[in-house]
């Protein structure tokens, strides 16, 4: 029901209850306000949004740390790379030398994180009226993106 804007809720509820009791005397008079229902429905979503923001910030900080670590490792191996280049090493072999450890660590992290992320995302998406399927493509793009972010520094 929609109330007149000049009528307070305290005044309107007894009148609505009287009409309700006259029409359906056996049913209990139970009412809820739409704004309270929407607030309850979306409070969980707001909490998830706040947590996602916190974890996104942590991911950005982690990526910056990873970028710093890669730069540090590349800087430490400058002489080794120079000697290899003098001995006619290919760019691919030098890149492989620098990136192997990084690719291994990111691959292990991806193999641990992808199933966990799939499970939680699947459970979260089941709470909605209109459901969508999670494709492996989303996870593949995320894994490739993580590998590319670190390997761009070696280029």
N, C-alpha and C. Protein backbone atom coordinates (compact mmCIF):
# COMPACT_ATOMS: atom_id res chain seq x y z
N UNK A 1 0.84 -1.18 0.00
CA UNK A 1 0.00 0.00 0.00
C UNK A 1 0.88 1.23 0.00
N UNK A 2 0.34 2.26 -0.53
CA UNK A 2 1.04 3.53 -0.53
C UNK A 2 0.24 4.50 0.32
N UNK A 3 0.94 5.18 1.23
CA UNK A 3 0.28 6.11 2.14
C UNK A 3 0.33 7.52 1.59
N UNK A 4 -0.65 8.32 1.99
CA UNK A 4 -0.62 9.73 1.62
C UNK A 4 0.57 10.38 2.29
N UNK A 5 1.17 11.34 1.62
CA UNK A 5 2.37 11.96 2.16
C UNK A 5 2.09 12.82 3.39
N UNK A 6 0.87 13.28 3.56
CA UNK A 6 0.56 14.11 4.73
C UNK A 6 0.04 13.29 5.91
N UNK A 7 -0.05 11.98 5.77
CA UNK A 7 -0.55 11.09 6.82
C UNK A 7 0.64 10.32 7.41
N UNK A 8 0.79 10.38 8.72
CA UNK A 8 1.91 9.68 9.35
C UNK A 8 1.63 8.18 9.41
N UNK A 9 2.69 7.42 9.55
CA UNK A 9 2.57 5.97 9.61
C UNK A 9 1.80 5.53 10.84
N UNK A 10 2.03 6.20 11.96
CA UNK A 10 1.33 5.86 13.20
C UNK A 10 -0.17 6.06 13.08
N UNK A 11 -0.61 7.04 12.30
CA UNK A 11 -2.04 7.27 12.10
C UNK A 11 -2.62 6.29 11.09
N UNK A 12 -1.84 5.94 10.06
CA UNK A 12 -2.35 5.11 8.97
C UNK A 12 -2.47 3.64 9.35
N UNK A 13 -1.54 3.12 10.15
CA UNK A 13 -1.54 1.69 10.46
C UNK A 13 -2.82 1.21 11.15
N UNK A 14 -3.35 1.90 12.16
CA UNK A 14 -4.61 1.43 12.76
C UNK A 14 -5.77 1.42 11.77
N UNK A 15 -5.82 2.38 10.87
CA UNK A 15 -6.89 2.43 9.86
C UNK A 15 -6.75 1.26 8.88
N UNK A 16 -5.52 0.99 8.47
CA UNK A 16 -5.29 -0.13 7.55
C UNK A 16 -5.62 -1.44 8.24
N UNK A 17 -5.24 -1.56 9.52
CA UNK A 17 -5.54 -2.79 10.26
C UNK A 17 -7.04 -3.01 10.38
N UNK A 18 -7.79 -1.96 10.63
CA UNK A 18 -9.26 -2.08 10.75
C UNK A 18 -9.87 -2.59 9.44
N UNK A 19 -9.44 -2.05 8.33
CA UNK A 19 -9.95 -2.51 7.04
C UNK A 19 -9.52 -3.94 6.79
N UNK A 20 -8.29 -4.28 7.12
CA UNK A 20 -7.79 -5.63 6.93
C UNK A 20 -8.57 -6.63 7.76
N UNK A 21 -8.84 -6.29 9.03
CA UNK A 21 -9.60 -7.19 9.92
C UNK A 21 -11.03 -7.38 9.42
N UNK A 22 -11.59 -6.35 8.81
CA UNK A 22 -12.94 -6.45 8.28
C UNK A 22 -12.97 -7.40 7.07
N UNK A 23 -11.93 -7.31 6.21
CA UNK A 23 -11.90 -8.12 5.00
C UNK A 23 -11.45 -9.56 5.26
N UNK A 24 -10.41 -9.74 6.07
CA UNK A 24 -9.86 -11.07 6.36
C UNK A 24 -9.67 -11.20 7.87
N UNK A 25 -10.70 -11.53 8.62
CA UNK A 25 -10.58 -11.56 10.07
C UNK A 25 -9.70 -12.71 10.60
N UNK A 26 -9.54 -13.79 9.85
CA UNK A 26 -8.79 -14.93 10.36
C UNK A 26 -7.27 -14.79 10.17
N UNK A 27 -6.85 -13.91 9.30
CA UNK A 27 -5.41 -13.77 9.02
C UNK A 27 -4.78 -12.76 9.98
N UNK A 28 -3.55 -13.01 10.39
CA UNK A 28 -2.87 -12.03 11.25
C UNK A 28 -2.46 -10.80 10.44
N UNK A 29 -2.52 -9.65 11.07
CA UNK A 29 -2.13 -8.40 10.41
C UNK A 29 -0.63 -8.24 10.58
N UNK A 30 0.10 -8.55 9.52
CA UNK A 30 1.55 -8.48 9.53
C UNK A 30 1.97 -7.58 8.37
N UNK A 31 2.73 -6.57 8.68
CA UNK A 31 3.13 -5.62 7.64
C UNK A 31 4.64 -5.42 7.66
N UNK A 32 5.15 -5.02 6.51
CA UNK A 32 6.57 -4.71 6.35
C UNK A 32 6.67 -3.50 5.45
N UNK A 33 7.70 -2.71 5.68
CA UNK A 33 7.93 -1.53 4.87
C UNK A 33 8.91 -1.86 3.75
N UNK A 34 8.65 -1.32 2.58
CA UNK A 34 9.47 -1.64 1.41
C UNK A 34 10.92 -1.20 1.61
N UNK A 35 11.11 -0.03 2.20
CA UNK A 35 12.50 0.42 2.38
C UNK A 35 13.27 -0.48 3.33
N UNK A 36 12.59 -1.04 4.35
CA UNK A 36 13.25 -1.98 5.25
C UNK A 36 13.59 -3.29 4.53
N UNK A 37 12.69 -3.74 3.68
CA UNK A 37 12.92 -4.98 2.93
C UNK A 37 14.09 -4.83 1.96
N UNK A 38 14.13 -3.70 1.26
CA UNK A 38 15.25 -3.46 0.34
C UNK A 38 16.57 -3.31 1.09
N UNK A 39 16.52 -2.65 2.24
CA UNK A 39 17.74 -2.50 3.04
C UNK A 39 18.25 -3.86 3.49
N UNK A 40 17.34 -4.73 3.91
CA UNK A 40 17.75 -6.07 4.34
C UNK A 40 18.29 -6.88 3.17
N UNK A 41 17.65 -6.74 2.01
CA UNK A 41 18.07 -7.50 0.84
C UNK A 41 19.46 -7.09 0.37
N UNK A 42 19.75 -5.81 0.40
CA UNK A 42 21.01 -5.33 -0.16
C UNK A 42 22.10 -5.10 0.87
N UNK A 43 21.83 -5.36 2.14
CA UNK A 43 22.88 -5.18 3.14
C UNK A 43 24.01 -6.18 2.94
N UNK A 44 23.66 -7.39 2.54
CA UNK A 44 24.67 -8.40 2.27
C UNK A 44 25.52 -7.98 1.06
N UNK A 45 24.86 -7.44 0.04
CA UNK A 45 25.58 -7.00 -1.15
C UNK A 45 26.53 -5.85 -0.83
N UNK A 46 26.10 -4.97 0.03
CA UNK A 46 26.97 -3.86 0.43
C UNK A 46 28.19 -4.37 1.20
N UNK A 47 27.98 -5.37 2.03
CA UNK A 47 29.08 -5.96 2.78
C UNK A 47 30.06 -6.65 1.82
N UNK A 48 29.53 -7.35 0.83
CA UNK A 48 30.38 -8.00 -0.16
C UNK A 48 31.16 -6.96 -0.95
N UNK A 49 30.51 -5.85 -1.28
CA UNK A 49 31.18 -4.78 -2.02
C UNK A 49 32.32 -4.18 -1.21
N UNK A 50 32.12 -3.99 0.07
CA UNK A 50 33.18 -3.46 0.92
C UNK A 50 34.35 -4.44 1.01
N UNK A 51 34.03 -5.72 1.18
CA UNK A 51 35.09 -6.74 1.24
C UNK A 51 35.84 -6.83 -0.08
N UNK A 52 35.11 -6.75 -1.19
CA UNK A 52 35.75 -6.81 -2.50
C UNK A 52 36.68 -5.62 -2.69
N UNK A 53 36.27 -4.46 -2.21
CA UNK A 53 37.13 -3.27 -2.32
C UNK A 53 38.41 -3.45 -1.50
N UNK A 54 38.27 -3.99 -0.30
CA UNK A 54 39.45 -4.22 0.54
C UNK A 54 40.40 -5.22 -0.12
N UNK A 55 39.84 -6.32 -0.64
CA UNK A 55 40.69 -7.31 -1.28
C UNK A 55 41.29 -6.80 -2.58
N UNK A 56 40.58 -5.94 -3.30
CA UNK A 56 41.15 -5.34 -4.51
C UNK A 56 42.35 -4.46 -4.16
N UNK A 57 42.22 -3.69 -3.08
CA UNK A 57 43.35 -2.86 -2.65
C UNK A 57 44.54 -3.75 -2.24
N UNK A 58 44.26 -4.83 -1.53
CA UNK A 58 45.33 -5.76 -1.16
C UNK A 58 45.98 -6.37 -2.39
N UNK A 59 45.17 -6.69 -3.40
CA UNK A 59 45.72 -7.26 -4.63
C UNK A 59 46.60 -6.25 -5.35
N UNK A 60 46.20 -4.99 -5.37
CA UNK A 60 47.02 -3.96 -6.01
C UNK A 60 48.34 -3.80 -5.27
N UNK A 61 48.28 -3.77 -3.95
CA UNK A 61 49.51 -3.66 -3.16
C UNK A 61 50.41 -4.88 -3.40
N UNK A 62 49.81 -6.05 -3.47
CA UNK A 62 50.57 -7.28 -3.72
C UNK A 62 51.22 -7.24 -5.10
N UNK A 63 50.48 -6.76 -6.10
CA UNK A 63 51.04 -6.67 -7.45
C UNK A 63 52.20 -5.68 -7.49
N UNK A 64 52.07 -4.59 -6.77
CA UNK A 64 53.19 -3.63 -6.70
C UNK A 64 54.41 -4.27 -6.04
N UNK A 65 54.19 -5.04 -5.00
CA UNK A 65 55.29 -5.75 -4.35
C UNK A 65 55.92 -6.77 -5.28
N UNK A 66 55.09 -7.47 -6.04
CA UNK A 66 55.58 -8.45 -7.00
C UNK A 66 56.39 -7.76 -8.10
N UNK A 67 55.89 -6.63 -8.56
CA UNK A 67 56.61 -5.84 -9.56
C UNK A 67 57.97 -5.40 -9.02
N UNK A 68 58.00 -4.96 -7.77
CA UNK A 68 59.26 -4.56 -7.15
C UNK A 68 60.23 -5.73 -7.02
N UNK A 69 59.70 -6.89 -6.66
CA UNK A 69 60.54 -8.07 -6.52
C UNK A 69 61.14 -8.47 -7.87
N UNK A 70 60.32 -8.41 -8.92
CA UNK A 70 60.81 -8.75 -10.26
C UNK A 70 61.89 -7.78 -10.70
N UNK A 71 61.66 -6.50 -10.44
CA UNK A 71 62.66 -5.49 -10.80
C UNK A 71 63.96 -5.72 -10.03
N UNK A 72 63.85 -6.07 -8.77
CA UNK A 72 65.03 -6.33 -7.94
C UNK A 72 65.81 -7.52 -8.47
N UNK A 73 65.10 -8.59 -8.80
CA UNK A 73 65.76 -9.80 -9.32
C UNK A 73 66.43 -9.50 -10.66
N UNK A 74 65.73 -8.76 -11.52
CA UNK A 74 66.32 -8.42 -12.82
C UNK A 74 67.55 -7.54 -12.64
N UNK A 75 67.51 -6.62 -11.69
CA UNK A 75 68.65 -5.74 -11.43
C UNK A 75 69.85 -6.54 -10.90
N UNK A 76 69.58 -7.53 -10.06
CA UNK A 76 70.66 -8.35 -9.52
C UNK A 76 71.34 -9.20 -10.60
N UNK A 77 70.59 -9.56 -11.62
CA UNK A 77 71.12 -10.43 -12.66
C UNK A 77 71.60 -9.65 -13.89
N UNK A 78 71.83 -8.37 -13.76
CA UNK A 78 72.24 -7.55 -14.90
C UNK A 78 73.56 -8.03 -15.48
N UNK A 79 74.54 -8.32 -14.63
CA UNK A 79 75.84 -8.79 -15.11
C UNK A 79 75.71 -10.15 -15.80
N UNK A 80 74.90 -11.04 -15.19
CA UNK A 80 74.71 -12.36 -15.79
C UNK A 80 74.07 -12.25 -17.16
N UNK A 81 73.08 -11.38 -17.29
CA UNK A 81 72.41 -11.18 -18.57
C UNK A 81 73.39 -10.58 -19.58
N UNK A 82 74.21 -9.63 -19.13
CA UNK A 82 75.20 -9.03 -20.03
C UNK A 82 76.18 -10.06 -20.55
N UNK A 83 76.67 -10.93 -19.68
CA UNK A 83 77.61 -11.97 -20.10
C UNK A 83 76.94 -12.93 -21.09
N UNK A 84 75.71 -13.29 -20.81
CA UNK A 84 74.99 -14.19 -21.73
C UNK A 84 74.77 -13.54 -23.09
N UNK A 85 74.47 -12.24 -23.09
CA UNK A 85 74.28 -11.54 -24.36
C UNK A 85 75.60 -11.45 -25.13
N UNK A 86 76.70 -11.25 -24.44
CA UNK A 86 78.00 -11.22 -25.11
C UNK A 86 78.31 -12.58 -25.73
N UNK A 87 77.92 -13.64 -25.02
CA UNK A 87 78.14 -15.00 -25.53
C UNK A 87 77.06 -15.42 -26.52
N UNK A 88 76.32 -14.43 -27.06
CA UNK A 88 75.34 -14.61 -28.13
C UNK A 88 74.10 -15.42 -27.70
N UNK A 89 73.61 -15.15 -26.51
CA UNK A 89 72.36 -15.78 -26.07
C UNK A 89 71.18 -15.06 -26.73
N UNK A 90 70.14 -15.80 -27.03
CA UNK A 90 68.96 -15.19 -27.66
C UNK A 90 68.13 -14.46 -26.60
N UNK A 91 67.30 -13.56 -27.08
CA UNK A 91 66.42 -12.82 -26.17
C UNK A 91 65.49 -13.78 -25.45
N UNK A 92 65.02 -14.79 -26.16
CA UNK A 92 64.12 -15.76 -25.55
C UNK A 92 64.80 -16.54 -24.42
N UNK A 93 66.05 -16.91 -24.62
CA UNK A 93 66.74 -17.66 -23.56
C UNK A 93 67.01 -16.77 -22.34
N UNK A 94 67.30 -15.49 -22.56
CA UNK A 94 67.50 -14.57 -21.43
C UNK A 94 66.18 -14.34 -20.71
N UNK A 95 65.10 -14.17 -21.47
CA UNK A 95 63.78 -13.98 -20.85
C UNK A 95 63.40 -15.22 -20.05
N UNK A 96 63.65 -16.40 -20.62
CA UNK A 96 63.33 -17.65 -19.93
C UNK A 96 64.11 -17.75 -18.62
N UNK A 97 65.37 -17.34 -18.64
CA UNK A 97 66.19 -17.36 -17.44
C UNK A 97 65.58 -16.49 -16.34
N UNK A 98 65.12 -15.31 -16.71
CA UNK A 98 64.58 -14.38 -15.72
C UNK A 98 63.16 -14.73 -15.28
N UNK A 99 62.36 -15.26 -16.20
CA UNK A 99 60.93 -15.43 -15.92
C UNK A 99 60.53 -16.79 -15.38
N UNK A 100 61.42 -17.77 -15.41
CA UNK A 100 61.04 -19.14 -15.02
C UNK A 100 60.53 -19.20 -13.58
N UNK A 101 61.25 -18.61 -12.68
CA UNK A 101 60.85 -18.65 -11.26
C UNK A 101 59.51 -17.94 -11.05
N UNK A 102 59.35 -16.79 -11.70
CA UNK A 102 58.11 -16.03 -11.57
C UNK A 102 56.93 -16.83 -12.12
N UNK A 103 57.10 -17.40 -13.30
CA UNK A 103 56.01 -18.17 -13.92
C UNK A 103 55.63 -19.36 -13.04
N UNK A 104 56.60 -20.01 -12.45
CA UNK A 104 56.32 -21.14 -11.57
C UNK A 104 55.51 -20.70 -10.35
N UNK A 105 55.91 -19.61 -9.71
CA UNK A 105 55.20 -19.14 -8.52
C UNK A 105 53.78 -18.69 -8.85
N UNK A 106 53.62 -17.97 -9.94
CA UNK A 106 52.29 -17.50 -10.34
C UNK A 106 51.41 -18.69 -10.73
N UNK A 107 51.98 -19.69 -11.39
CA UNK A 107 51.20 -20.87 -11.77
C UNK A 107 50.72 -21.64 -10.55
N UNK A 108 51.57 -21.80 -9.57
CA UNK A 108 51.17 -22.49 -8.33
C UNK A 108 50.06 -21.70 -7.63
N UNK A 109 50.24 -20.38 -7.54
CA UNK A 109 49.21 -19.54 -6.91
C UNK A 109 47.89 -19.63 -7.66
N UNK A 110 47.95 -19.65 -8.99
CA UNK A 110 46.74 -19.75 -9.79
C UNK A 110 46.05 -21.09 -9.58
N UNK A 111 46.82 -22.17 -9.53
CA UNK A 111 46.22 -23.50 -9.33
C UNK A 111 45.57 -23.63 -7.96
N UNK A 112 46.05 -22.89 -6.99
CA UNK A 112 45.42 -22.90 -5.67
C UNK A 112 44.20 -21.98 -5.66
N UNK A 113 44.34 -20.79 -6.25
CA UNK A 113 43.29 -19.78 -6.13
C UNK A 113 42.09 -20.03 -7.05
N UNK A 114 42.31 -20.58 -8.22
CA UNK A 114 41.21 -20.72 -9.19
C UNK A 114 40.07 -21.61 -8.68
N UNK A 115 40.33 -22.80 -8.14
CA UNK A 115 39.21 -23.61 -7.64
C UNK A 115 38.48 -22.96 -6.45
N UNK A 116 39.25 -22.32 -5.59
CA UNK A 116 38.63 -21.64 -4.43
C UNK A 116 37.74 -20.49 -4.93
N UNK A 117 38.26 -19.71 -5.85
CA UNK A 117 37.49 -18.59 -6.40
C UNK A 117 36.25 -19.10 -7.13
N UNK A 118 36.39 -20.19 -7.88
CA UNK A 118 35.23 -20.75 -8.58
C UNK A 118 34.16 -21.18 -7.61
N UNK A 119 34.55 -21.87 -6.55
CA UNK A 119 33.57 -22.35 -5.57
C UNK A 119 32.81 -21.18 -4.94
N UNK A 120 33.53 -20.18 -4.45
CA UNK A 120 32.87 -19.07 -3.78
C UNK A 120 32.04 -18.23 -4.74
N UNK A 121 32.54 -18.01 -5.95
CA UNK A 121 31.77 -17.25 -6.93
C UNK A 121 30.50 -18.00 -7.33
N UNK A 122 30.60 -19.30 -7.49
CA UNK A 122 29.44 -20.12 -7.85
C UNK A 122 28.38 -20.06 -6.75
N UNK A 123 28.81 -20.21 -5.50
CA UNK A 123 27.87 -20.15 -4.38
C UNK A 123 27.22 -18.76 -4.26
N UNK A 124 28.00 -17.73 -4.49
CA UNK A 124 27.48 -16.36 -4.39
C UNK A 124 26.47 -16.10 -5.50
N UNK A 125 26.74 -16.55 -6.71
CA UNK A 125 25.84 -16.30 -7.84
C UNK A 125 24.54 -17.09 -7.73
N UNK A 126 24.52 -18.16 -6.95
CA UNK A 126 23.30 -18.95 -6.79
C UNK A 126 22.23 -18.22 -5.97
N UNK A 127 22.61 -17.14 -5.28
CA UNK A 127 21.66 -16.39 -4.47
C UNK A 127 20.80 -15.44 -5.28
N UNK A 128 21.06 -15.32 -6.56
CA UNK A 128 20.32 -14.37 -7.40
C UNK A 128 19.20 -15.06 -8.16
N UNK A 129 18.18 -14.27 -8.47
CA UNK A 129 17.03 -14.78 -9.21
C UNK A 129 17.46 -15.21 -10.62
N UNK A 130 18.18 -14.35 -11.31
CA UNK A 130 18.66 -14.65 -12.66
C UNK A 130 20.10 -15.13 -12.54
N UNK A 131 20.32 -16.38 -12.86
CA UNK A 131 21.63 -16.98 -12.66
C UNK A 131 22.43 -16.96 -13.96
N UNK A 132 23.72 -16.94 -13.81
CA UNK A 132 24.64 -17.01 -14.94
C UNK A 132 25.67 -18.08 -14.64
N UNK A 133 26.25 -18.61 -15.68
CA UNK A 133 27.27 -19.65 -15.51
C UNK A 133 28.65 -19.02 -15.50
N UNK A 134 29.53 -19.61 -14.71
CA UNK A 134 30.92 -19.19 -14.71
C UNK A 134 31.66 -20.00 -15.76
N UNK A 135 32.34 -19.31 -16.63
CA UNK A 135 33.09 -19.99 -17.67
C UNK A 135 34.56 -20.07 -17.27
N UNK A 136 35.23 -21.08 -17.77
CA UNK A 136 36.66 -21.22 -17.50
C UNK A 136 37.44 -20.08 -18.14
N UNK A 137 36.83 -19.41 -19.14
CA UNK A 137 37.51 -18.31 -19.83
C UNK A 137 37.85 -17.17 -18.87
N UNK A 138 36.96 -16.89 -17.91
CA UNK A 138 37.22 -15.82 -16.94
C UNK A 138 38.50 -16.10 -16.16
N UNK A 139 38.66 -17.34 -15.74
CA UNK A 139 39.82 -17.71 -14.95
C UNK A 139 41.08 -17.76 -15.81
N UNK A 140 40.93 -18.20 -17.06
CA UNK A 140 42.08 -18.23 -17.97
C UNK A 140 42.59 -16.81 -18.24
N UNK A 141 41.68 -15.89 -18.46
CA UNK A 141 42.08 -14.50 -18.70
C UNK A 141 42.78 -13.92 -17.46
N UNK A 142 42.25 -14.23 -16.28
CA UNK A 142 42.88 -13.75 -15.04
C UNK A 142 44.28 -14.33 -14.87
N UNK A 143 44.46 -15.61 -15.14
CA UNK A 143 45.77 -16.24 -15.02
C UNK A 143 46.76 -15.68 -16.03
N UNK A 144 46.32 -15.52 -17.26
CA UNK A 144 47.20 -14.96 -18.30
C UNK A 144 47.55 -13.52 -17.96
N UNK A 145 46.57 -12.78 -17.45
CA UNK A 145 46.84 -11.40 -17.05
C UNK A 145 47.87 -11.32 -15.94
N UNK A 146 47.80 -12.23 -14.98
CA UNK A 146 48.78 -12.25 -13.89
C UNK A 146 50.17 -12.57 -14.42
N UNK A 147 50.25 -13.50 -15.36
CA UNK A 147 51.55 -13.83 -15.95
C UNK A 147 52.10 -12.66 -16.76
N UNK A 148 51.24 -12.01 -17.52
CA UNK A 148 51.69 -10.88 -18.34
C UNK A 148 52.14 -9.69 -17.50
N UNK A 149 51.45 -9.45 -16.39
CA UNK A 149 51.82 -8.30 -15.54
C UNK A 149 53.26 -8.44 -15.05
N UNK A 150 53.65 -9.61 -14.67
CA UNK A 150 55.00 -9.80 -14.18
C UNK A 150 56.02 -9.89 -15.29
N UNK A 151 55.65 -10.50 -16.41
CA UNK A 151 56.60 -10.71 -17.48
C UNK A 151 56.84 -9.46 -18.33
N UNK A 152 56.00 -8.47 -18.23
CA UNK A 152 56.22 -7.24 -18.97
C UNK A 152 57.46 -6.51 -18.47
N UNK A 153 57.80 -6.71 -17.21
CA UNK A 153 58.97 -6.04 -16.65
C UNK A 153 60.27 -6.61 -17.23
N UNK A 154 60.24 -7.85 -17.67
CA UNK A 154 61.44 -8.46 -18.20
C UNK A 154 61.69 -8.08 -19.66
N UNK A 155 60.68 -7.54 -20.33
CA UNK A 155 60.78 -7.26 -21.76
C UNK A 155 61.73 -6.20 -22.14
